[in-house]
Structure formats: structure tokens, C-alpha cells
Amino acid sequence: MNPEKDLFFISPLHTVPQSFFESTYREDYFEIAWLKNEEPIHFIKDKAHYIKGDWMYLIPANRSPRPKNSGKKGILIAFHKSVLDYEVKEFTLDVIRLFLGKGVGSFSTILLEEDMVITLGSLLRVLHNEYEQQPKNLLVLKTLLKAFLLKLMQYKTQTFTSQGLNEKRVYHFLLLLENHFREEKSVAFYADKLNITPKRLNQILKQKTGKTITQLLQERTIVEAKQELILSAQTIKEIGYSLGFEDRSYFSRFFKKMIGLTPEQFQKQAKARIFPA
């Protein structure tokens, strides 16, 4: 890349030359670093939100400091700020808003959902193929970049409006969990009921509760197991069966893994505390 004359630069992250990161002209470029199936590289207060996925970092021109080579899998798209000079003012302002984060001098971060990974991936492949052509057709490159950015703007807007929907999904999941946790341990069952993929449901639950579907299922099962071990007249085998465990030894291993005690040990200690001799 020659920052003095190149308007576009597209490269896998692991092959970006060090000269790019050290270039004095780098701040003249808008950059999109698309991390593929990676954990985020920016600081997040809530560690539960460190979700592995497709993270997109949008760094506006004339902003520093800029991210260094992270060693992550993904692709880098950079375009010179002069690319926007011939666009209508409204579109240019929308691009700047897309790239700007909440604070002064910051950048924007987006966690992409599966459907948008597919859509943007298709657009990027066309853009990348055109970028590889010699000689480069700048008009076509600008048009394809604009289509990519417009789709990204649309997605970012939808993401903001979907937060309320995601909260409803969490509520509906918890209702489903309460009604089916005994017999349904499959992640796919709950995702199908909510008409989304298991991966997306896990992302939503991780963002909103800090826990995965499996963790919430296990916790609800343990709460019920403890109550029945203390209050129920059923045998341990019968309790395990009522909670979806066909085999008593499997129930005992699960319980000990979660609590650190066997069902018999927990039952004995709990009853000794509640009903002392």
C-alpha cells in the first residue's frame, strides 16, 4: 500500500504489513477491522459480554490512537477520506456517524448477527474481487463500498431498535425454561420455539444475563433438585428421573459437579440443619 496515492486497501488481518500500522498517513483513512469468530479486543466492563463472534471495529479518519496488529483472524478494509468528497453531504455525515463511537476521538464497535455476516460477506467478496482487478476501476470500487456501508448503516440502526425485542426474547425463554426444563435439555428446542438460531439465542442470553442456555438450564435444574431433596418424599432415583435423568448415577455425577456434594451428602446436611435432632 502506498498511502500517498492509494484510495483503497483491503487485506486479511494477518497479512497486513507493519508499514501500514506505522504509516504517518494512516489517519487519513477510515478503517474497518472485521474480526472473524474472535473475542473482542476492546475493554468491556462486564466480562460476560466478551462473546466470541464476528466483531467489527470502525475507526474514523483523523482519530488516534489506532489499533495495532492484534493477531486476530479477519479482514481489514481501509479507504481514504477523499473517497467521500464526491458524495452527497447527507451520506458523508451518515458515514461519520457510523464510524464515531460514543466518546470524543473514539471508534464504533458492532457484534454482527449471523444473517448480517452472510449479507456483508457477500458484498465484501464482490468488493474484494474488484479491488484485485488491474487496473482498478475507482468508480466501481466507490459504488461497491457505498453499498457495503449503506447495508452496515441499516444494520446498526436495526441493532439499536432490536434491543427491546431481545429483552422480550429473554423473558419468553425464561417462561419456556420454567415450563420445560424437566424434560427438555436441548438448546435447539428453546431456539426453535423463539424462531432464532441456537447461536443467536446464546448471544442474546449472554449479553442480557451473562449466562448461556446450558448454564441457565443447569442452574434451574439444580434449584429444583435441592428443593426436592429436602422436601420431597421421593427417593433420589425418583427425583433424578423426574428431572429428566434416566440413570441415577448420571444424576449423582451432575449434582456433585454442580454442588460439590453427592445428592445423599447434600440431603443429609440440609435436613440436619433444617430438622436438628
C-alpha atoms as a PDB file:
ATOM      1  CA  MET A   1       0.000   0.000   0.000  1.00  0.00           C
ATOM      2  CA  ASN A   2       1.170   3.488  -0.868  1.00  0.00           C
ATOM      3  CA  PRO A   3      -0.780   5.802   1.489  1.00  0.00           C
ATOM      4  CA  GLU A   4       0.145   8.832  -0.619  1.00  0.00           C
ATOM      5  CA  LYS A   5      -1.826   7.658  -3.672  1.00  0.00           C
ATOM      6  CA  ASP A   6      -3.921   4.544  -2.835  1.00  0.00           C
ATOM      7  CA  LEU A   7      -7.567   5.295  -2.051  1.00  0.00           C
ATOM      8  CA  PHE A   8      -8.430   1.709  -1.050  1.00  0.00           C
ATOM      9  CA  PHE A   9      -6.689  -1.047   0.876  1.00  0.00           C
ATOM     10  CA  ILE A  10      -8.194  -4.491   1.559  1.00  0.00           C
ATOM     11  CA  SER A  11      -6.219  -7.297   3.183  1.00  0.00           C
ATOM     12  CA  PRO A  12      -6.553 -10.259   5.570  1.00  0.00           C
ATOM     13  CA  LEU A  13      -5.539  -9.023   9.015  1.00  0.00           C
ATOM     14  CA  HIS A  14      -2.676 -11.490   9.360  1.00  0.00           C
ATOM     15  CA  THR A  15      -1.002 -10.249   6.145  1.00  0.00           C
ATOM     16  CA  VAL A  16      -1.316  -6.503   6.727  1.00  0.00           C
ATOM     17  CA  PRO A  17       2.268  -5.161   6.501  1.00  0.00           C
ATOM     18  CA  GLN A  18       3.737  -3.495   9.563  1.00  0.00           C
ATOM     19  CA  SER A  19       4.388  -0.427   7.400  1.00  0.00           C
ATOM     20  CA  PHE A  20       0.609   0.132   7.283  1.00  0.00           C
ATOM     21  CA  PHE A  21       0.320   0.297  11.080  1.00  0.00           C
ATOM     22  CA  GLU A  22       3.315   2.634  11.315  1.00  0.00           C
ATOM     23  CA  SER A  23       2.392   4.910   8.381  1.00  0.00           C
ATOM     24  CA  THR A  24       2.180   8.637   9.101  1.00  0.00           C
ATOM     25  CA  TYR A  25      -0.642   8.813   6.535  1.00  0.00           C
ATOM     26  CA  ARG A  26      -2.793   6.231   8.311  1.00  0.00           C
ATOM     27  CA  GLU A  27      -5.025   8.834   9.987  1.00  0.00           C
ATOM     28  CA  ASP A  28      -6.229   9.939   6.553  1.00  0.00           C
ATOM     29  CA  TYR A  29      -8.109   6.648   6.213  1.00  0.00           C
ATOM     30  CA  PHE A  30     -11.388   5.247   7.514  1.00  0.00           C
ATOM     31  CA  GLU A  31     -10.716   1.689   8.674  1.00  0.00           C
ATOM     32  CA  ILE A  32     -12.977  -1.337   9.134  1.00  0.00           C
ATOM     33  CA  ALA A  33     -11.356  -4.226  11.005  1.00  0.00           C
ATOM     34  CA  TRP A  34     -13.652  -7.243  10.765  1.00  0.00           C
ATOM     35  CA  LEU A  35     -12.651  -9.921  13.304  1.00  0.00           C
ATOM     36  CA  LYS A  36     -13.932 -13.360  12.286  1.00  0.00           C
ATOM     37  CA  ASN A  37     -15.159 -15.648  15.101  1.00  0.00           C
ATOM     38  CA  GLU A  38     -12.939 -13.915  17.690  1.00  0.00           C
ATOM     39  CA  GLU A  39     -13.370 -12.398  21.133  1.00  0.00           C
ATOM     40  CA  PRO A  40     -13.455  -8.569  21.256  1.00  0.00           C
ATOM     41  CA  ILE A  41     -10.190  -6.660  21.632  1.00  0.00           C
ATOM     42  CA  HIS A  42     -11.632  -3.546  23.284  1.00  0.00           C
ATOM     43  CA  PHE A  43     -12.184  -3.145  27.026  1.00  0.00           C
ATOM     44  CA  ILE A  44     -15.620  -4.161  28.298  1.00  0.00           C
ATOM     45  CA  LYS A  45     -16.511  -3.662  31.959  1.00  0.00           C
ATOM     46  CA  ASP A  46     -18.798  -6.689  32.066  1.00  0.00           C
ATOM     47  CA  LYS A  47     -16.627  -9.721  31.301  1.00  0.00           C
ATOM     48  CA  ALA A  48     -19.788 -11.697  30.469  1.00  0.00           C
ATOM     49  CA  HIS A  49     -20.062  -9.652  27.274  1.00  0.00           C
ATOM     50  CA  TYR A  50     -16.770 -10.998  25.911  1.00  0.00           C
ATOM     51  CA  ILE A  51     -18.637 -13.034  23.326  1.00  0.00           C
ATOM     52  CA  LYS A  52     -16.773 -14.892  20.615  1.00  0.00           C
ATOM     53  CA  GLY A  53     -18.175 -13.901  17.242  1.00  0.00           C
ATOM     54  CA  ASP A  54     -17.792 -11.528  14.307  1.00  0.00           C
ATOM     55  CA  TRP A  55     -16.764  -8.181  15.792  1.00  0.00           C
ATOM     56  CA  MET A  56     -16.439  -5.148  13.544  1.00  0.00           C
ATOM     57  CA  TYR A  57     -14.332  -2.133  14.513  1.00  0.00           C
ATOM     58  CA  LEU A  58     -14.950   1.099  12.614  1.00  0.00           C
ATOM     59  CA  ILE A  59     -12.201   3.685  13.082  1.00  0.00           C
ATOM     60  CA  PRO A  60     -12.919   7.137  11.590  1.00  0.00           C
ATOM     61  CA  ALA A  61     -10.334   9.257   9.792  1.00  0.00           C
ATOM     62  CA  ASN A  62      -8.395  11.847  11.786  1.00  0.00           C
ATOM     63  CA  ARG A  63      -8.692   9.846  15.000  1.00  0.00           C
ATOM     64  CA  SER A  64      -5.874   8.416  17.109  1.00  0.00           C
ATOM     65  CA  PRO A  65      -4.540   6.322  18.711  1.00  0.00           C
ATOM     66  CA  ARG A  66      -5.354   3.495  16.312  1.00  0.00           C
ATOM     67  CA  PRO A  67      -5.395  -0.246  16.967  1.00  0.00           C
ATOM     68  CA  LYS A  68      -2.175  -2.134  16.344  1.00  0.00           C
ATOM     69  CA  ASN A  69      -1.862  -5.574  14.800  1.00  0.00           C
ATOM     70  CA  SER A  70      -3.971  -7.777  17.116  1.00  0.00           C
ATOM     71  CA  GLY A  71      -3.009 -11.172  15.698  1.00  0.00           C
ATOM     72  CA  LYS A  72      -6.704 -11.945  15.231  1.00  0.00           C
ATOM     73  CA  LYS A  73      -8.360 -13.643  12.249  1.00  0.00           C
ATOM     74  CA  GLY A  74     -10.300 -11.338   9.950  1.00  0.00           C
ATOM     75  CA  ILE A  75     -10.003  -8.706   7.253  1.00  0.00           C
ATOM     76  CA  LEU A  76      -9.108  -5.022   7.078  1.00  0.00           C
ATOM     77  CA  ILE A  77     -10.845  -2.549   4.775  1.00  0.00           C
ATOM     78  CA  ALA A  78      -9.403   0.969   4.566  1.00  0.00           C
ATOM     79  CA  PHE A  79     -10.468   3.839   2.347  1.00  0.00           C
ATOM     80  CA  HIS A  80      -9.056   7.358   2.072  1.00  0.00           C
ATOM     81  CA  LYS A  81     -11.231  10.175   3.395  1.00  0.00           C
ATOM     82  CA  SER A  82     -11.136  11.814  -0.050  1.00  0.00           C
ATOM     83  CA  VAL A  83     -13.374   8.965  -1.306  1.00  0.00           C
ATOM     84  CA  LEU A  84     -16.260  10.782   0.400  1.00  0.00           C
ATOM     85  CA  ASP A  85     -15.517  14.139  -1.234  1.00  0.00           C
ATOM     86  CA  TYR A  86     -17.816  13.471  -4.193  1.00  0.00           C
ATOM     87  CA  GLU A  87     -20.680  12.017  -2.161  1.00  0.00           C
ATOM     88  CA  VAL A  88     -23.755  13.954  -1.140  1.00  0.00           C
ATOM     89  CA  LYS A  89     -23.414  15.690   2.201  1.00  0.00           C
ATOM     90  CA  GLU A  90     -26.080  13.576   3.909  1.00  0.00           C
ATOM     91  CA  PHE A  91     -24.328  10.305   3.053  1.00  0.00           C
ATOM     92  CA  THR A  92     -20.958  11.630   4.210  1.00  0.00           C
ATOM     93  CA  LEU A  93     -22.471  12.661   7.548  1.00  0.00           C
ATOM     94  CA  ASP A  94     -24.088   9.239   7.898  1.00  0.00           C
ATOM     95  CA  VAL A  95     -20.700   7.576   7.320  1.00  0.00           C
ATOM     96  CA  ILE A  96     -19.091   9.737  10.001  1.00  0.00           C
ATOM     97  CA  ARG A  97     -21.896   8.887  12.442  1.00  0.00           C
ATOM     98  CA  LEU A  98     -21.485   5.190  11.621  1.00  0.00           C
ATOM     99  CA  PHE A  99     -17.781   5.271  12.478  1.00  0.00           C
ATOM    100  CA  LEU A 100     -17.890   7.513  15.525  1.00  0.00           C
ATOM    101  CA  GLY A 101     -18.223   5.915  18.946  1.00  0.00           C
ATOM    102  CA  LYS A 102     -19.866   7.469  21.981  1.00  0.00           C
ATOM    103  CA  GLY A 103     -16.841   9.423  23.155  1.00  0.00           C
ATOM    104  CA  VAL A 104     -14.694  12.084  21.551  1.00  0.00           C
ATOM    105  CA  GLY A 105     -11.962  10.518  19.422  1.00  0.00           C
ATOM    106  CA  SER A 106     -13.393   7.046  19.822  1.00  0.00           C
ATOM    107  CA  PHE A 107     -14.475   4.398  17.337  1.00  0.00           C
ATOM    108  CA  SER A 108     -17.554   2.272  16.822  1.00  0.00           C
ATOM    109  CA  THR A 109     -17.890  -1.453  17.578  1.00  0.00           C
ATOM    110  CA  ILE A 110     -20.550  -3.836  16.284  1.00  0.00           C
ATOM    111  CA  LEU A 111     -21.197  -7.510  17.048  1.00  0.00           C
ATOM    112  CA  LEU A 112     -22.648  -8.975  13.847  1.00  0.00           C
ATOM    113  CA  GLU A 113     -25.533 -11.441  13.816  1.00  0.00           C
ATOM    114  CA  GLU A 114     -25.343 -14.496  11.575  1.00  0.00           C
ATOM    115  CA  ASP A 115     -27.622 -13.147   8.844  1.00  0.00           C
ATOM    116  CA  MET A 116     -25.604  -9.936   8.565  1.00  0.00           C
ATOM    117  CA  VAL A 117     -22.321 -11.886   8.465  1.00  0.00           C
ATOM    118  CA  ILE A 118     -23.674 -13.645   5.362  1.00  0.00           C
ATOM    119  CA  THR A 119     -25.016 -10.463   3.733  1.00  0.00           C
ATOM    120  CA  LEU A 120     -21.947  -8.318   4.378  1.00  0.00           C
ATOM    121  CA  GLY A 121     -19.664 -11.226   3.498  1.00  0.00           C
ATOM    122  CA  SER A 122     -21.268 -11.458   0.050  1.00  0.00           C
ATOM    123  CA  LEU A 123     -20.853  -7.726  -0.538  1.00  0.00           C
ATOM    124  CA  LEU A 124     -17.269  -7.831   0.672  1.00  0.00           C
ATOM    125  CA  ARG A 125     -16.368 -10.667  -1.692  1.00  0.00           C
ATOM    126  CA  VAL A 126     -17.564  -8.622  -4.666  1.00  0.00           C
ATOM    127  CA  LEU A 127     -15.708  -5.555  -3.388  1.00  0.00           C
ATOM    128  CA  HIS A 128     -12.537  -7.558  -2.769  1.00  0.00           C
ATOM    129  CA  ASN A 129     -12.658  -9.174  -6.222  1.00  0.00           C
ATOM    130  CA  GLU A 130     -12.998  -5.749  -7.832  1.00  0.00           C
ATOM    131  CA  TYR A 131     -10.114  -4.446  -5.698  1.00  0.00           C
ATOM    132  CA  GLU A 132      -7.887  -7.240  -7.053  1.00  0.00           C
ATOM    133  CA  GLN A 133      -8.546  -6.238 -10.652  1.00  0.00           C
ATOM    134  CA  GLN A 134      -5.821  -4.404 -12.592  1.00  0.00           C
ATOM    135  CA  PRO A 135      -6.177  -1.645 -13.482  1.00  0.00           C
ATOM    136  CA  LYS A 136      -8.560  -0.684 -10.688  1.00  0.00           C
ATOM    137  CA  ASN A 137     -11.874   0.922 -11.603  1.00  0.00           C
ATOM    138  CA  LEU A 138     -12.306   3.558  -8.886  1.00  0.00           C
ATOM    139  CA  LEU A 139     -15.893   4.318  -9.829  1.00  0.00           C
ATOM    140  CA  VAL A 140     -16.923   0.678  -9.388  1.00  0.00           C
ATOM    141  CA  LEU A 141     -14.950   0.408  -6.128  1.00  0.00           C
ATOM    142  CA  LYS A 142     -16.651   3.516  -4.725  1.00  0.00           C
ATOM    143  CA  THR A 143     -20.075   2.198  -5.719  1.00  0.00           C
ATOM    144  CA  LEU A 144     -19.484  -1.203  -4.104  1.00  0.00           C
ATOM    145  CA  LEU A 145     -18.056   0.411  -0.966  1.00  0.00           C
ATOM    146  CA  LYS A 146     -21.128   2.643  -0.734  1.00  0.00           C
ATOM    147  CA  ALA A 147     -23.420  -0.396  -0.949  1.00  0.00           C
ATOM    148  CA  PHE A 148     -21.412  -2.095   1.833  1.00  0.00           C
ATOM    149  CA  LEU A 149     -21.577   0.990   4.072  1.00  0.00           C
ATOM    150  CA  LEU A 150     -25.307   1.527   3.439  1.00  0.00           C
ATOM    151  CA  LYS A 151     -26.061  -2.054   4.467  1.00  0.00           C
ATOM    152  CA  LEU A 152     -23.912  -1.596   7.577  1.00  0.00           C
ATOM    153  CA  MET A 153     -25.771   1.622   8.470  1.00  0.00           C
ATOM    154  CA  GLN A 154     -29.077  -0.170   8.070  1.00  0.00           C
ATOM    155  CA  TYR A 155     -27.901  -2.996  10.303  1.00  0.00           C
ATOM    156  CA  LYS A 156     -26.604  -0.661  13.011  1.00  0.00           C
ATOM    157  CA  THR A 157     -29.976   1.120  13.104  1.00  0.00           C
ATOM    158  CA  GLN A 158     -31.804  -2.209  13.327  1.00  0.00           C
ATOM    159  CA  THR A 159     -29.498  -3.326  16.130  1.00  0.00           C
ATOM    160  CA  PHE A 160     -30.489  -0.344  18.267  1.00  0.00           C
ATOM    161  CA  THR A 161     -34.198  -0.968  17.713  1.00  0.00           C
ATOM    162  CA  SER A 162     -33.850  -4.717  18.364  1.00  0.00           C
ATOM    163  CA  GLN A 163     -32.711  -4.316  21.974  1.00  0.00           C
ATOM    164  CA  GLY A 164     -36.316  -4.233  23.188  1.00  0.00           C
ATOM    165  CA  LEU A 165     -37.056  -7.347  21.136  1.00  0.00           C
ATOM    166  CA  ASN A 166     -34.102  -9.150  22.709  1.00  0.00           C
ATOM    167  CA  GLU A 167     -35.372  -8.367  26.193  1.00  0.00           C
ATOM    168  CA  LYS A 168     -38.717  -9.914  25.227  1.00  0.00           C
ATOM    169  CA  ARG A 169     -36.888 -12.975  23.930  1.00  0.00           C
ATOM    170  CA  VAL A 170     -35.120 -13.394  27.278  1.00  0.00           C
ATOM    171  CA  TYR A 171     -38.487 -13.168  29.082  1.00  0.00           C
ATOM    172  CA  HIS A 172     -40.049 -15.732  26.738  1.00  0.00           C
ATOM    173  CA  PHE A 173     -37.038 -18.017  27.136  1.00  0.00           C
ATOM    174  CA  LEU A 174     -37.365 -17.937  30.922  1.00  0.00           C
ATOM    175  CA  LEU A 175     -41.052 -18.833  30.621  1.00  0.00           C
ATOM    176  CA  LEU A 176     -40.196 -21.724  28.307  1.00  0.00           C
ATOM    177  CA  LEU A 177     -37.465 -22.808  30.699  1.00  0.00           C
ATOM    178  CA  GLU A 178     -39.863 -22.857  33.638  1.00  0.00           C
ATOM    179  CA  ASN A 179     -42.361 -24.977  31.721  1.00  0.00           C
ATOM    180  CA  HIS A 180     -39.949 -27.407  30.027  1.00  0.00           C
ATOM    181  CA  PHE A 181     -36.665 -27.624  31.961  1.00  0.00           C
ATOM    182  CA  ARG A 182     -37.512 -31.073  33.342  1.00  0.00           C
ATOM    183  CA  GLU A 183     -37.912 -32.819  30.011  1.00  0.00           C
ATOM    184  CA  GLU A 184     -36.117 -30.529  27.515  1.00  0.00           C
ATOM    185  CA  LYS A 185     -32.343 -30.132  27.835  1.00  0.00           C
ATOM    186  CA  SER A 186     -31.735 -29.386  24.156  1.00  0.00           C
ATOM    187  CA  VAL A 187     -30.564 -25.883  23.236  1.00  0.00           C
ATOM    188  CA  ALA A 188     -32.210 -26.306  19.819  1.00  0.00           C
ATOM    189  CA  PHE A 189     -35.653 -26.825  21.412  1.00  0.00           C
ATOM    190  CA  TYR A 190     -35.680 -23.363  23.024  1.00  0.00           C
ATOM    191  CA  ALA A 191     -34.164 -21.654  19.983  1.00  0.00           C
ATOM    192  CA  ASP A 192     -36.789 -23.239  17.689  1.00  0.00           C
ATOM    193  CA  LYS A 193     -39.593 -22.053  19.961  1.00  0.00           C
ATOM    194  CA  LEU A 194     -38.230 -18.487  19.704  1.00  0.00           C
ATOM    195  CA  ASN A 195     -37.674 -18.842  15.940  1.00  0.00           C
ATOM    196  CA  ILE A 196     -33.952 -17.980  16.102  1.00  0.00           C
ATOM    197  CA  THR A 197     -30.739 -19.998  15.855  1.00  0.00           C
ATOM    198  CA  PRO A 198     -29.156 -21.542  18.966  1.00  0.00           C
ATOM    199  CA  LYS A 199     -26.052 -19.400  18.414  1.00  0.00           C
ATOM    200  CA  ARG A 200     -28.116 -16.196  18.323  1.00  0.00           C
ATOM    201  CA  LEU A 201     -30.117 -17.177  21.422  1.00  0.00           C
ATOM    202  CA  ASN A 202     -26.871 -17.854  23.269  1.00  0.00           C
ATOM    203  CA  GLN A 203     -25.543 -14.429  22.228  1.00  0.00           C
ATOM    204  CA  ILE A 204     -28.691 -12.675  23.478  1.00  0.00           C
ATOM    205  CA  LEU A 205     -28.737 -14.538  26.797  1.00  0.00           C
ATOM    206  CA  LYS A 206     -25.013 -13.933  27.304  1.00  0.00           C
ATOM    207  CA  GLN A 207     -25.486 -10.205  26.677  1.00  0.00           C
ATOM    208  CA  LYS A 208     -28.563  -9.872  28.896  1.00  0.00           C
ATOM    209  CA  THR A 209     -27.891 -12.378  31.700  1.00  0.00           C
ATOM    210  CA  GLY A 210     -24.181 -13.170  31.422  1.00  0.00           C
ATOM    211  CA  LYS A 211     -25.016 -16.889  31.067  1.00  0.00           C
ATOM    212  CA  THR A 212     -25.525 -19.382  28.251  1.00  0.00           C
ATOM    213  CA  ILE A 213     -28.619 -21.527  27.654  1.00  0.00           C
ATOM    214  CA  THR A 214     -26.838 -24.562  29.101  1.00  0.00           C
ATOM    215  CA  GLN A 215     -25.816 -22.702  32.255  1.00  0.00           C
ATOM    216  CA  LEU A 216     -29.356 -21.438  32.839  1.00  0.00           C
ATOM    217  CA  LEU A 217     -30.761 -24.931  32.278  1.00  0.00           C
ATOM    218  CA  GLN A 218     -28.296 -26.444  34.721  1.00  0.00           C
ATOM    219  CA  GLU A 219     -28.943 -23.790  37.370  1.00  0.00           C
ATOM    220  CA  ARG A 220     -32.729 -24.212  37.135  1.00  0.00           C
ATOM    221  CA  THR A 221     -32.364 -27.993  37.395  1.00  0.00           C
ATOM    222  CA  ILE A 222     -30.128 -27.728  40.465  1.00  0.00           C
ATOM    223  CA  VAL A 223     -32.527 -25.348  42.225  1.00  0.00           C
ATOM    224  CA  GLU A 224     -35.349 -27.844  41.724  1.00  0.00           C
ATOM    225  CA  ALA A 225     -33.169 -30.799  42.726  1.00  0.00           C
ATOM    226  CA  LYS A 226     -32.204 -29.131  46.013  1.00  0.00           C
ATOM    227  CA  GLN A 227     -35.812 -28.357  46.880  1.00  0.00           C
ATOM    228  CA  GLU A 228     -36.966 -31.912  46.181  1.00  0.00           C
ATOM    229  CA  LEU A 229     -34.062 -33.487  48.042  1.00  0.00           C
ATOM    230  CA  ILE A 230     -35.064 -31.528  51.130  1.00  0.00           C
ATOM    231  CA  LEU A 231     -38.857 -31.565  50.913  1.00  0.00           C
ATOM    232  CA  SER A 232     -39.919 -34.472  48.688  1.00  0.00           C
ATOM    233  CA  ALA A 233     -40.703 -37.965  49.944  1.00  0.00           C
ATOM    234  CA  GLN A 234     -39.386 -39.416  46.688  1.00  0.00           C
ATOM    235  CA  THR A 235     -36.194 -41.442  46.508  1.00  0.00           C
ATOM    236  CA  ILE A 236     -33.097 -39.909  44.956  1.00  0.00           C
ATOM    237  CA  LYS A 237     -33.584 -42.135  41.922  1.00  0.00           C
ATOM    238  CA  GLU A 238     -37.182 -40.899  41.535  1.00  0.00           C
ATOM    239  CA  ILE A 239     -36.120 -37.263  41.929  1.00  0.00           C
ATOM    240  CA  GLY A 240     -33.459 -37.679  39.273  1.00  0.00           C
ATOM    241  CA  TYR A 241     -35.950 -39.334  36.928  1.00  0.00           C
ATOM    242  CA  SER A 242     -38.477 -36.510  37.434  1.00  0.00           C
ATOM    243  CA  LEU A 243     -35.763 -34.045  36.389  1.00  0.00           C
ATOM    244  CA  GLY A 244     -35.023 -35.848  33.145  1.00  0.00           C
ATOM    245  CA  PHE A 245     -32.185 -38.140  34.261  1.00  0.00           C
ATOM    246  CA  GLU A 246     -32.777 -41.734  33.165  1.00  0.00           C
ATOM    247  CA  ASP A 247     -29.871 -43.020  35.230  1.00  0.00           C
ATOM    248  CA  ARG A 248     -29.334 -42.353  38.951  1.00  0.00           C
ATOM    249  CA  SER A 249     -25.553 -42.383  38.608  1.00  0.00           C
ATOM    250  CA  TYR A 250     -25.736 -39.714  35.885  1.00  0.00           C
ATOM    251  CA  PHE A 251     -27.911 -37.547  38.151  1.00  0.00           C
ATOM    252  CA  SER A 252     -25.444 -38.029  41.017  1.00  0.00           C
ATOM    253  CA  ARG A 253     -22.441 -37.075  38.853  1.00  0.00           C
ATOM    254  CA  PHE A 254     -24.253 -33.977  37.550  1.00  0.00           C
ATOM    255  CA  PHE A 255     -25.277 -32.900  41.048  1.00  0.00           C
ATOM    256  CA  LYS A 256     -21.788 -33.372  42.501  1.00  0.00           C
ATOM    257  CA  LYS A 257     -20.201 -31.489  39.609  1.00  0.00           C
ATOM    258  CA  MET A 258     -22.521 -28.527  40.217  1.00  0.00           C
ATOM    259  CA  ILE A 259     -22.618 -28.537  44.048  1.00  0.00           C
ATOM    260  CA  GLY A 260     -19.525 -30.385  45.181  1.00  0.00           C
ATOM    261  CA  LEU A 261     -21.596 -32.891  47.129  1.00  0.00           C
ATOM    262  CA  THR A 262     -23.461 -36.050  46.158  1.00  0.00           C
ATOM    263  CA  PRO A 263     -27.278 -35.890  46.432  1.00  0.00           C
ATOM    264  CA  GLU A 264     -27.063 -38.107  49.540  1.00  0.00           C
ATOM    265  CA  GLN A 265     -24.495 -35.829  51.215  1.00  0.00           C
ATOM    266  CA  PHE A 266     -26.459 -32.676  50.385  1.00  0.00           C
ATOM    267  CA  GLN A 267     -29.731 -34.200  51.594  1.00  0.00           C
ATOM    268  CA  LYS A 268     -28.206 -35.344  54.868  1.00  0.00           C
ATOM    269  CA  GLN A 269     -26.553 -31.973  55.612  1.00  0.00           C
ATOM    270  CA  ALA A 270     -29.605 -29.930  54.611  1.00  0.00           C
ATOM    271  CA  LYS A 271     -32.026 -31.975  56.693  1.00  0.00           C
ATOM    272  CA  ALA A 272     -29.654 -31.835  59.680  1.00  0.00           C
ATOM    273  CA  ARG A 273     -29.755 -28.028  59.511  1.00  0.00           C
ATOM    274  CA  ILE A 274     -33.488 -27.735  58.968  1.00  0.00           C
ATOM    275  CA  PHE A 275     -34.607 -30.587  61.230  1.00  0.00           C
ATOM    276  CA  PRO A 276     -31.981 -30.840  64.006  1.00  0.00           C
ATOM    277  CA  ALA A 277     -32.237 -33.801  66.324  1.00  0.00           C
END
